[in-house]
Amino acid sequence: MKKTGMAKSDAKKLMGQMSAPGAASFGKVAEVVDKREQRKRDQALGLVPFAVKLNGDLVQQLHAQAKERDIDLNQLVGELLAQGLAA
């Protein structure tokens, strides 16, 4: 491969990383945890994966509220479910 071809390939990789989810932290060092380690941490906290299908508008509202309150989406959904079940 020529030098210009390699430069093009590197540029494409870089642009792909910048447009990927989590690009806001691009260039910053983040703690990398593999899936097995994350699963162990979740189990130690008593967390269980629970998948549901929700309406898109509802999901957008959840994301907006989580961002507004500056908390994790999982934490928000847990709080809302606990409040709903308590009522």
N, C-alpha and C. Protein backbone atom coordinates (compact mmCIF):
# COMPACT_ATOMS: atom_id res chain seq x y z
N MET A 1 0.85 -1.17 0.00
CA MET A 1 0.00 0.00 0.00
C MET A 1 0.90 1.24 0.00
N LYS A 2 0.49 2.23 -0.76
CA LYS A 2 1.28 3.46 -0.83
C LYS A 2 1.08 4.28 0.43
N LYS A 3 1.99 5.23 0.60
CA LYS A 3 1.95 6.09 1.79
C LYS A 3 0.64 6.89 1.84
N THR A 4 0.16 7.37 0.70
CA THR A 4 -1.09 8.15 0.69
C THR A 4 -2.28 7.26 1.01
N GLY A 5 -2.24 6.02 0.56
CA GLY A 5 -3.32 5.09 0.87
C GLY A 5 -3.38 4.78 2.35
N MET A 6 -2.20 4.64 2.97
CA MET A 6 -2.15 4.39 4.41
C MET A 6 -2.67 5.59 5.19
N ALA A 7 -2.32 6.79 4.74
CA ALA A 7 -2.79 8.00 5.41
C ALA A 7 -4.31 8.11 5.31
N LYS A 8 -4.85 7.76 4.14
CA LYS A 8 -6.30 7.79 3.95
C LYS A 8 -6.98 6.79 4.89
N SER A 9 -6.41 5.60 4.99
CA SER A 9 -6.96 4.56 5.85
C SER A 9 -6.95 5.00 7.31
N ASP A 10 -5.83 5.60 7.74
CA ASP A 10 -5.74 6.10 9.11
C ASP A 10 -6.77 7.19 9.37
N ALA A 11 -6.95 8.08 8.39
CA ALA A 11 -7.92 9.16 8.55
C ALA A 11 -9.35 8.62 8.66
N LYS A 12 -9.67 7.59 7.89
CA LYS A 12 -11.00 6.98 7.96
C LYS A 12 -11.24 6.37 9.33
N LYS A 13 -10.21 5.69 9.86
CA LYS A 13 -10.34 5.09 11.19
C LYS A 13 -10.59 6.17 12.24
N LEU A 14 -9.83 7.26 12.14
CA LEU A 14 -9.96 8.35 13.09
C LEU A 14 -11.35 8.98 13.01
N MET A 15 -11.84 9.20 11.82
CA MET A 15 -13.18 9.79 11.65
C MET A 15 -14.25 8.85 12.17
N GLY A 16 -14.06 7.56 11.99
CA GLY A 16 -15.01 6.59 12.52
C GLY A 16 -15.04 6.60 14.03
N GLN A 17 -13.90 6.78 14.66
CA GLN A 17 -13.85 6.84 16.12
C GLN A 17 -14.51 8.11 16.63
N MET A 18 -14.37 9.21 15.89
CA MET A 18 -14.94 10.47 16.33
C MET A 18 -16.46 10.48 16.23
N SER A 19 -17.01 9.76 15.27
CA SER A 19 -18.46 9.76 15.09
C SER A 19 -19.14 8.63 15.85
N ALA A 20 -18.36 7.77 16.47
CA ALA A 20 -18.91 6.64 17.22
C ALA A 20 -19.54 7.11 18.52
N PRO A 21 -20.46 6.31 19.10
CA PRO A 21 -21.03 6.67 20.39
C PRO A 21 -19.92 6.82 21.43
N GLY A 22 -20.07 7.81 22.25
CA GLY A 22 -19.07 8.06 23.27
C GLY A 22 -17.95 8.94 22.76
N ALA A 23 -18.16 9.58 21.60
CA ALA A 23 -17.13 10.42 21.02
C ALA A 23 -16.89 11.68 21.83
N ALA A 24 -17.79 12.02 22.73
CA ALA A 24 -17.61 13.20 23.55
C ALA A 24 -16.36 13.07 24.41
N SER A 25 -16.01 11.85 24.74
CA SER A 25 -14.82 11.63 25.55
C SER A 25 -13.62 11.26 24.67
N PHE A 26 -13.69 11.59 23.38
CA PHE A 26 -12.62 11.26 22.44
C PHE A 26 -11.33 11.94 22.88
N GLY A 27 -10.27 11.18 22.92
CA GLY A 27 -8.98 11.72 23.30
C GLY A 27 -8.71 11.65 24.79
N LYS A 28 -9.72 11.35 25.58
CA LYS A 28 -9.55 11.24 27.02
C LYS A 28 -9.30 9.78 27.38
N VAL A 29 -8.57 9.55 28.41
CA VAL A 29 -8.30 8.19 28.85
C VAL A 29 -9.49 7.72 29.69
N ALA A 30 -10.08 6.62 29.29
CA ALA A 30 -11.23 6.08 30.00
C ALA A 30 -10.85 4.72 30.59
N GLU A 31 -11.49 4.38 31.68
CA GLU A 31 -11.25 3.08 32.29
C GLU A 31 -11.91 2.02 31.42
N VAL A 32 -11.13 1.07 30.97
CA VAL A 32 -11.64 0.01 30.11
C VAL A 32 -11.88 -1.22 30.97
N VAL A 33 -13.15 -1.67 30.97
CA VAL A 33 -13.52 -2.85 31.73
C VAL A 33 -14.11 -3.85 30.75
N ASP A 34 -13.60 -5.07 30.76
CA ASP A 34 -14.15 -6.07 29.86
C ASP A 34 -15.52 -6.52 30.36
N LYS A 35 -16.26 -7.18 29.49
CA LYS A 35 -17.64 -7.56 29.80
C LYS A 35 -17.72 -8.50 31.00
N ARG A 36 -16.78 -9.41 31.10
CA ARG A 36 -16.79 -10.36 32.22
C ARG A 36 -16.62 -9.63 33.55
N GLU A 37 -15.69 -8.69 33.59
CA GLU A 37 -15.46 -7.92 34.81
C GLU A 37 -16.68 -7.06 35.16
N GLN A 38 -17.29 -6.46 34.13
CA GLN A 38 -18.48 -5.64 34.38
C GLN A 38 -19.62 -6.50 34.91
N ARG A 39 -19.78 -7.70 34.38
CA ARG A 39 -20.82 -8.62 34.84
C ARG A 39 -20.60 -8.97 36.31
N LYS A 40 -19.34 -9.21 36.69
CA LYS A 40 -19.04 -9.53 38.09
C LYS A 40 -19.36 -8.35 39.00
N ARG A 41 -19.04 -7.15 38.54
CA ARG A 41 -19.35 -5.96 39.34
C ARG A 41 -20.86 -5.80 39.52
N ASP A 42 -21.60 -6.00 38.42
CA ASP A 42 -23.06 -5.88 38.50
C ASP A 42 -23.65 -6.92 39.44
N GLN A 43 -23.16 -8.15 39.37
CA GLN A 43 -23.66 -9.21 40.24
C GLN A 43 -23.37 -8.90 41.70
N ALA A 44 -22.21 -8.33 41.97
CA ALA A 44 -21.86 -7.97 43.34
C ALA A 44 -22.81 -6.90 43.89
N LEU A 45 -23.31 -6.04 42.99
CA LEU A 45 -24.26 -5.00 43.40
C LEU A 45 -25.70 -5.50 43.41
N GLY A 46 -25.91 -6.75 43.00
CA GLY A 46 -27.25 -7.32 42.97
C GLY A 46 -28.04 -6.92 41.73
N LEU A 47 -27.36 -6.46 40.69
CA LEU A 47 -28.03 -6.03 39.47
C LEU A 47 -28.27 -7.21 38.54
N VAL A 48 -29.43 -7.22 37.90
CA VAL A 48 -29.81 -8.29 36.99
C VAL A 48 -30.20 -7.66 35.65
N PRO A 49 -29.68 -8.14 34.52
CA PRO A 49 -30.08 -7.59 33.23
C PRO A 49 -31.57 -7.84 32.99
N PHE A 50 -32.27 -6.81 32.52
CA PHE A 50 -33.71 -6.92 32.31
C PHE A 50 -34.05 -6.10 31.07
N ALA A 51 -34.31 -6.78 29.96
CA ALA A 51 -34.59 -6.10 28.70
C ALA A 51 -36.09 -5.96 28.48
N VAL A 52 -36.50 -4.79 28.03
CA VAL A 52 -37.90 -4.54 27.68
C VAL A 52 -37.94 -3.76 26.38
N LYS A 53 -39.08 -3.80 25.71
CA LYS A 53 -39.28 -3.01 24.50
C LYS A 53 -40.24 -1.88 24.85
N LEU A 54 -39.81 -0.65 24.59
CA LEU A 54 -40.59 0.53 24.93
C LEU A 54 -40.83 1.38 23.69
N ASN A 55 -41.86 2.20 23.76
CA ASN A 55 -42.17 3.14 22.70
C ASN A 55 -41.02 4.13 22.57
N GLY A 56 -40.68 4.52 21.34
CA GLY A 56 -39.57 5.43 21.08
C GLY A 56 -39.71 6.77 21.79
N ASP A 57 -40.95 7.30 21.85
CA ASP A 57 -41.17 8.59 22.52
C ASP A 57 -40.87 8.47 24.01
N LEU A 58 -41.26 7.37 24.60
CA LEU A 58 -41.01 7.15 26.02
C LEU A 58 -39.50 7.06 26.30
N VAL A 59 -38.79 6.39 25.42
CA VAL A 59 -37.34 6.25 25.58
C VAL A 59 -36.67 7.63 25.48
N GLN A 60 -37.14 8.46 24.55
CA GLN A 60 -36.58 9.81 24.42
C GLN A 60 -36.83 10.62 25.69
N GLN A 61 -38.02 10.48 26.28
CA GLN A 61 -38.33 11.18 27.53
C GLN A 61 -37.41 10.69 28.65
N LEU A 62 -37.18 9.39 28.69
CA LEU A 62 -36.28 8.83 29.71
C LEU A 62 -34.86 9.37 29.56
N HIS A 63 -34.37 9.39 28.32
CA HIS A 63 -33.03 9.91 28.07
C HIS A 63 -32.93 11.37 28.46
N ALA A 64 -33.96 12.16 28.10
CA ALA A 64 -33.96 13.58 28.42
C ALA A 64 -33.96 13.81 29.93
N GLN A 65 -34.79 13.05 30.64
CA GLN A 65 -34.86 13.20 32.09
C GLN A 65 -33.55 12.76 32.76
N ALA A 66 -32.95 11.70 32.26
CA ALA A 66 -31.67 11.24 32.83
C ALA A 66 -30.58 12.29 32.60
N LYS A 67 -30.58 12.88 31.42
CA LYS A 67 -29.58 13.91 31.12
C LYS A 67 -29.83 15.16 31.98
N GLU A 68 -31.11 15.52 32.15
CA GLU A 68 -31.48 16.69 32.95
C GLU A 68 -31.05 16.50 34.40
N ARG A 69 -31.25 15.31 34.94
CA ARG A 69 -30.91 15.02 36.34
C ARG A 69 -29.45 14.59 36.49
N ASP A 70 -28.75 14.43 35.36
CA ASP A 70 -27.34 14.05 35.33
C ASP A 70 -27.10 12.73 36.08
N ILE A 71 -27.95 11.72 35.75
CA ILE A 71 -27.77 10.39 36.33
C ILE A 71 -27.80 9.36 35.21
N ASP A 72 -27.39 8.16 35.51
CA ASP A 72 -27.36 7.06 34.56
C ASP A 72 -28.79 6.63 34.23
N LEU A 73 -29.03 6.22 32.99
CA LEU A 73 -30.36 5.79 32.57
C LEU A 73 -30.85 4.60 33.40
N ASN A 74 -29.96 3.66 33.71
CA ASN A 74 -30.34 2.51 34.53
C ASN A 74 -30.83 2.95 35.90
N GLN A 75 -30.14 3.92 36.49
CA GLN A 75 -30.52 4.44 37.80
C GLN A 75 -31.88 5.13 37.74
N LEU A 76 -32.11 5.91 36.69
CA LEU A 76 -33.40 6.60 36.54
C LEU A 76 -34.54 5.61 36.41
N VAL A 77 -34.37 4.62 35.56
CA VAL A 77 -35.44 3.63 35.34
C VAL A 77 -35.71 2.86 36.63
N GLY A 78 -34.66 2.52 37.37
CA GLY A 78 -34.84 1.84 38.65
C GLY A 78 -35.63 2.68 39.63
N GLU A 79 -35.31 3.97 39.72
CA GLU A 79 -36.04 4.86 40.62
C GLU A 79 -37.51 4.98 40.23
N LEU A 80 -37.75 5.16 38.92
CA LEU A 80 -39.13 5.31 38.43
C LEU A 80 -39.95 4.04 38.66
N LEU A 81 -39.34 2.88 38.44
CA LEU A 81 -40.05 1.62 38.69
C LEU A 81 -40.35 1.44 40.17
N ALA A 82 -39.40 1.78 41.01
CA ALA A 82 -39.62 1.65 42.46
C ALA A 82 -40.75 2.57 42.92
N GLN A 83 -40.77 3.79 42.40
CA GLN A 83 -41.84 4.74 42.75
C GLN A 83 -43.19 4.24 42.26
N GLY A 84 -43.21 3.71 41.03
CA GLY A 84 -44.46 3.21 40.47
C GLY A 84 -44.99 2.00 41.21
N LEU A 85 -44.12 1.11 41.62
CA LEU A 85 -44.55 -0.07 42.34
C LEU A 85 -44.97 0.25 43.77
N ALA A 86 -44.39 1.29 44.34
CA ALA A 86 -44.74 1.69 45.70
C ALA A 86 -46.11 2.37 45.75
N ALA A 87 -46.51 2.96 44.65
CA ALA A 87 -47.80 3.68 44.61
C ALA A 87 -48.97 2.73 44.52
